[in-house]
């Protein structure tokens, strides 16, 4: 087995293959892409926060490019949640999923505003929120979208 490469599907494909109703796939694609992009810029956010010298509970000036990027991702999360909030047919809204992703959007908006609730715990909670959001989404799918 040495030297073999493990091939895994993308998050959006894995969720699709778990039985996601195709009508929700565009929203899930947005959430998965947003998560991947956020993971790529979080180190820059943490660097800017650290360099600013801000203390827990304080505020600092975030670079405008990163600030605008965070706000765009928060808007994308909100748009995806809006789709999931209004299920079709005999499905129910995935309330736990929506709560977690809405919390992620709120966190990004706070980060964009330069709020530093804690010097790394808040970013950990953002990442945890995405993890729980996707987990609850899978549970909702496996429960027949109920």
Foldseek 3Di string as FASTA:
>chain_A
DPPDDDDDDQLLVVLVVLFDDVQLSVLVVLLSVLLVVCVVCVVVLLVVLVVQVDAAFGFDQDPPVLLVVLLVSLVSLVVSLVSLCDDDDPAHRLVLLSVLSNVLSVLSNCSSRRGHNHSCVSVVSSNVSSVRSSVSSSVCSVVVND
